[in-house]
Amino acid sequence: MKPITYEPIGTIYTPFQDTHDMPIQAKGGKGVKGTIAIKPSFAEGLMDIGGFSHIILIYHLHRSKKYSLTVKPFLDDAVHGVFATRAPRRPNPIGISVVRLRKVEGRVLHIEDVDMVNGTPLLDIKPYIPDIDAFQTKRTGWLSGKKTKGFRKAKSDRRFQS
């Protein structure tokens, strides 16, 4: 199979200059504001995006250089397979976050509830649609019985830095 390459459509700007001590999920970034600058060549694709209160950001975890197939994730002391976690060190370092879209000014999106480092390359945007994207689940794997509300308060540490 040939390698797959993507061209970033823009850049995400946040107050987090370092991956250490930032939120580990978007709910942990509640109230934290950021912006996205879309490249001029992709600006036309923003048509009608302002009608959505939330958007899904798909981005490149550009500070993630190495990966391991087993990791000790945030909020747990046990080792798990990387694909059973949201750890940033992945074979394909792709991140996703659902953020609040505050407003659109030309090709700049003002967002809130950010959990990514400043300067993150944005690969794609999709509208968040609760009837399609929100599921009631019965199983949560190794997180069963754990207080997942801890994601809101947890901050990253240096465990995944190169």
Protein backbone atom coordinates (compact mmCIF):
# COMPACT_ATOMS: atom_id res chain seq x y z
CA MET A 1 0.00 0.00 0.00
CA LYS A 2 1.26 3.47 -0.84
CA PRO A 3 1.87 5.97 1.98
CA ILE A 4 -1.02 8.31 2.69
CA THR A 5 -0.35 12.03 2.96
CA TYR A 6 -2.63 14.87 3.99
CA GLU A 7 -2.42 18.60 3.55
CA PRO A 8 -3.47 20.58 6.62
CA ILE A 9 -6.45 22.84 5.91
CA GLY A 10 -5.49 25.25 8.67
CA THR A 11 -3.88 25.75 12.07
CA ILE A 12 -5.40 25.57 15.55
CA TYR A 13 -4.26 28.28 17.97
CA THR A 14 -4.70 27.75 21.71
CA PRO A 15 -3.20 29.10 24.95
CA PHE A 16 -1.29 25.81 25.48
CA GLN A 17 2.33 26.29 24.44
CA ASP A 18 3.42 22.93 25.86
CA THR A 19 1.69 19.55 25.99
CA HIS A 20 2.45 19.31 29.71
CA ASP A 21 -0.36 20.32 32.06
CA MET A 22 -3.02 20.85 29.39
CA PRO A 23 -6.46 19.19 29.37
CA ILE A 24 -6.47 15.57 28.22
CA GLN A 25 -9.92 15.82 26.58
CA ALA A 26 -12.10 18.65 25.27
CA LYS A 27 -14.43 18.45 28.29
CA GLY A 28 -11.38 19.21 30.42
CA GLY A 29 -10.81 22.34 28.35
CA LYS A 30 -14.29 23.67 29.14
CA GLY A 31 -14.27 27.42 28.69
CA VAL A 32 -10.77 27.56 27.17
CA LYS A 33 -10.88 29.59 23.96
CA GLY A 34 -8.92 29.22 20.77
CA THR A 35 -9.07 30.03 17.09
CA ILE A 36 -8.59 28.21 13.84
CA ALA A 37 -7.11 29.93 10.81
CA ILE A 38 -8.23 28.14 7.65
CA LYS A 39 -5.94 28.41 4.64
CA PRO A 40 -7.37 30.70 1.94
CA SER A 41 -7.58 27.83 -0.56
CA PHE A 42 -10.01 25.98 1.77
CA ALA A 43 -12.10 28.97 2.96
CA GLU A 44 -15.01 28.24 0.63
CA GLY A 45 -15.53 24.95 2.47
CA LEU A 46 -16.62 26.90 5.58
CA MET A 47 -19.94 27.87 3.95
CA ASP A 48 -22.79 27.18 6.42
CA ILE A 49 -20.49 25.94 9.22
CA GLY A 50 -21.65 28.84 11.43
CA GLY A 51 -25.05 27.18 11.83
CA PHE A 52 -23.58 24.48 14.07
CA SER A 53 -22.94 24.95 17.79
CA HIS A 54 -20.26 22.23 17.88
CA ILE A 55 -17.78 20.86 15.38
CA ILE A 56 -15.50 17.84 15.27
CA LEU A 57 -11.85 18.67 14.66
CA ILE A 58 -9.53 16.07 13.19
CA TYR A 59 -5.90 17.07 13.58
CA HIS A 60 -2.32 15.91 13.43
CA LEU A 61 -0.60 15.38 16.79
CA HIS A 62 2.53 17.06 15.45
CA ARG A 63 4.49 16.81 18.68
CA SER A 64 4.07 13.05 18.86
CA LYS A 65 7.24 11.55 17.36
CA LYS A 66 7.32 7.95 18.54
CA TYR A 67 4.68 5.41 19.38
CA SER A 68 4.23 2.33 21.47
CA LEU A 69 1.58 -0.33 20.98
CA THR A 70 1.09 -0.52 24.75
CA VAL A 71 0.72 2.54 26.96
CA LYS A 72 -0.19 3.58 30.46
CA PRO A 73 -2.96 6.12 29.77
CA PHE A 74 -3.93 9.11 31.85
CA LEU A 75 -6.28 8.18 34.71
CA ASP A 76 -5.03 4.61 34.99
CA ASP A 77 -2.00 2.82 36.38
CA ALA A 78 -2.36 -0.25 34.17
CA VAL A 79 -0.91 -0.78 30.70
CA HIS A 80 -3.37 -1.08 27.78
CA GLY A 81 -3.13 -1.45 24.02
CA VAL A 82 -2.81 1.96 22.38
CA PHE A 83 -5.96 1.36 20.32
CA ALA A 84 -7.95 0.92 23.56
CA THR A 85 -6.85 4.40 24.67
CA ARG A 86 -6.78 7.98 23.47
CA ALA A 87 -3.05 8.31 24.11
CA PRO A 88 -1.29 10.70 21.70
CA ARG A 89 1.63 8.43 20.79
CA ARG A 90 0.02 6.39 18.03
CA PRO A 91 1.21 4.78 14.77
CA ASN A 92 -0.79 7.51 12.97
CA PRO A 93 -0.83 10.47 15.37
CA ILE A 94 -4.33 11.73 14.65
CA GLY A 95 -6.41 13.50 17.28
CA ILE A 96 -10.10 14.29 17.41
CA SER A 97 -12.00 16.76 19.58
CA VAL A 98 -15.53 18.08 19.71
CA VAL A 99 -15.39 21.82 20.39
CA ARG A 100 -17.93 24.60 20.67
CA LEU A 101 -18.04 26.91 17.65
CA ARG A 102 -18.50 30.45 19.00
CA LYS A 103 -18.40 32.40 15.76
CA VAL A 104 -17.00 32.53 12.25
CA GLU A 105 -15.17 35.60 10.96
CA GLY A 106 -14.15 35.07 7.36
CA ARG A 107 -11.77 32.14 7.45
CA VAL A 108 -11.19 32.32 11.22
CA LEU A 109 -13.22 30.08 13.51
CA HIS A 110 -13.51 31.08 17.16
CA ILE A 111 -13.79 27.94 19.27
CA GLU A 112 -14.10 26.98 22.92
CA ASP A 113 -13.37 23.89 25.04
CA VAL A 114 -9.97 23.26 23.47
CA ASP A 115 -7.56 20.49 24.46
CA MET A 116 -4.85 20.75 21.82
CA VAL A 117 -1.45 22.43 21.83
CA ASN A 118 -0.92 25.77 20.09
CA GLY A 119 -0.03 25.49 16.40
CA THR A 120 -1.70 22.11 15.84
CA PRO A 121 -2.20 21.33 12.11
CA LEU A 122 -5.90 20.86 11.30
CA LEU A 123 -6.71 18.07 8.85
CA ASP A 124 -10.50 18.28 8.67
CA ILE A 125 -13.69 19.65 10.22
CA LYS A 126 -17.03 17.90 10.46
CA PRO A 127 -20.25 19.20 12.02
CA TYR A 128 -21.21 17.57 15.30
CA ILE A 129 -24.76 16.22 14.99
CA PRO A 130 -26.08 14.79 18.28
CA ASP A 131 -28.62 12.47 16.61
CA ILE A 132 -25.77 10.88 14.64
CA ASP A 133 -22.72 11.32 16.88
CA ALA A 134 -24.02 10.70 20.42
CA PHE A 135 -24.51 7.09 21.49
CA GLN A 136 -25.66 5.51 24.73
CA THR A 137 -23.12 2.77 25.32
CA LYS A 138 -23.22 -0.38 27.40
CA ARG A 139 -19.51 -1.15 27.58
CA THR A 140 -16.58 1.17 28.23
CA GLY A 141 -13.76 -1.37 28.38
CA TRP A 142 -11.08 -0.80 30.98
CA LEU A 143 -12.82 2.43 32.01
CA SER A 144 -15.79 0.48 33.45
CA GLY A 145 -16.25 1.40 37.08
CA LYS A 146 -13.81 4.30 36.87
CA LYS A 147 -14.96 7.83 37.43
CA THR A 148 -14.70 9.15 33.88
CA LYS A 149 -15.74 12.58 35.13
CA GLY A 150 -12.04 12.76 36.11
CA PHE A 151 -11.29 13.61 32.48
CA ARG A 152 -12.64 17.08 33.18
CA LYS A 153 -10.03 17.82 35.83
CA ALA A 154 -7.09 15.72 34.65
CA LYS A 155 -4.11 17.44 33.06
CA SER A 156 -1.47 15.89 30.87
CA ASP A 157 1.92 15.06 32.25
CA ARG A 158 5.18 14.28 30.48
CA ARG A 159 4.58 10.53 29.94
CA PHE A 160 4.03 10.89 26.17
CA GLN A 161 6.66 13.51 25.40
CA SER A 162 9.61 12.44 23.25
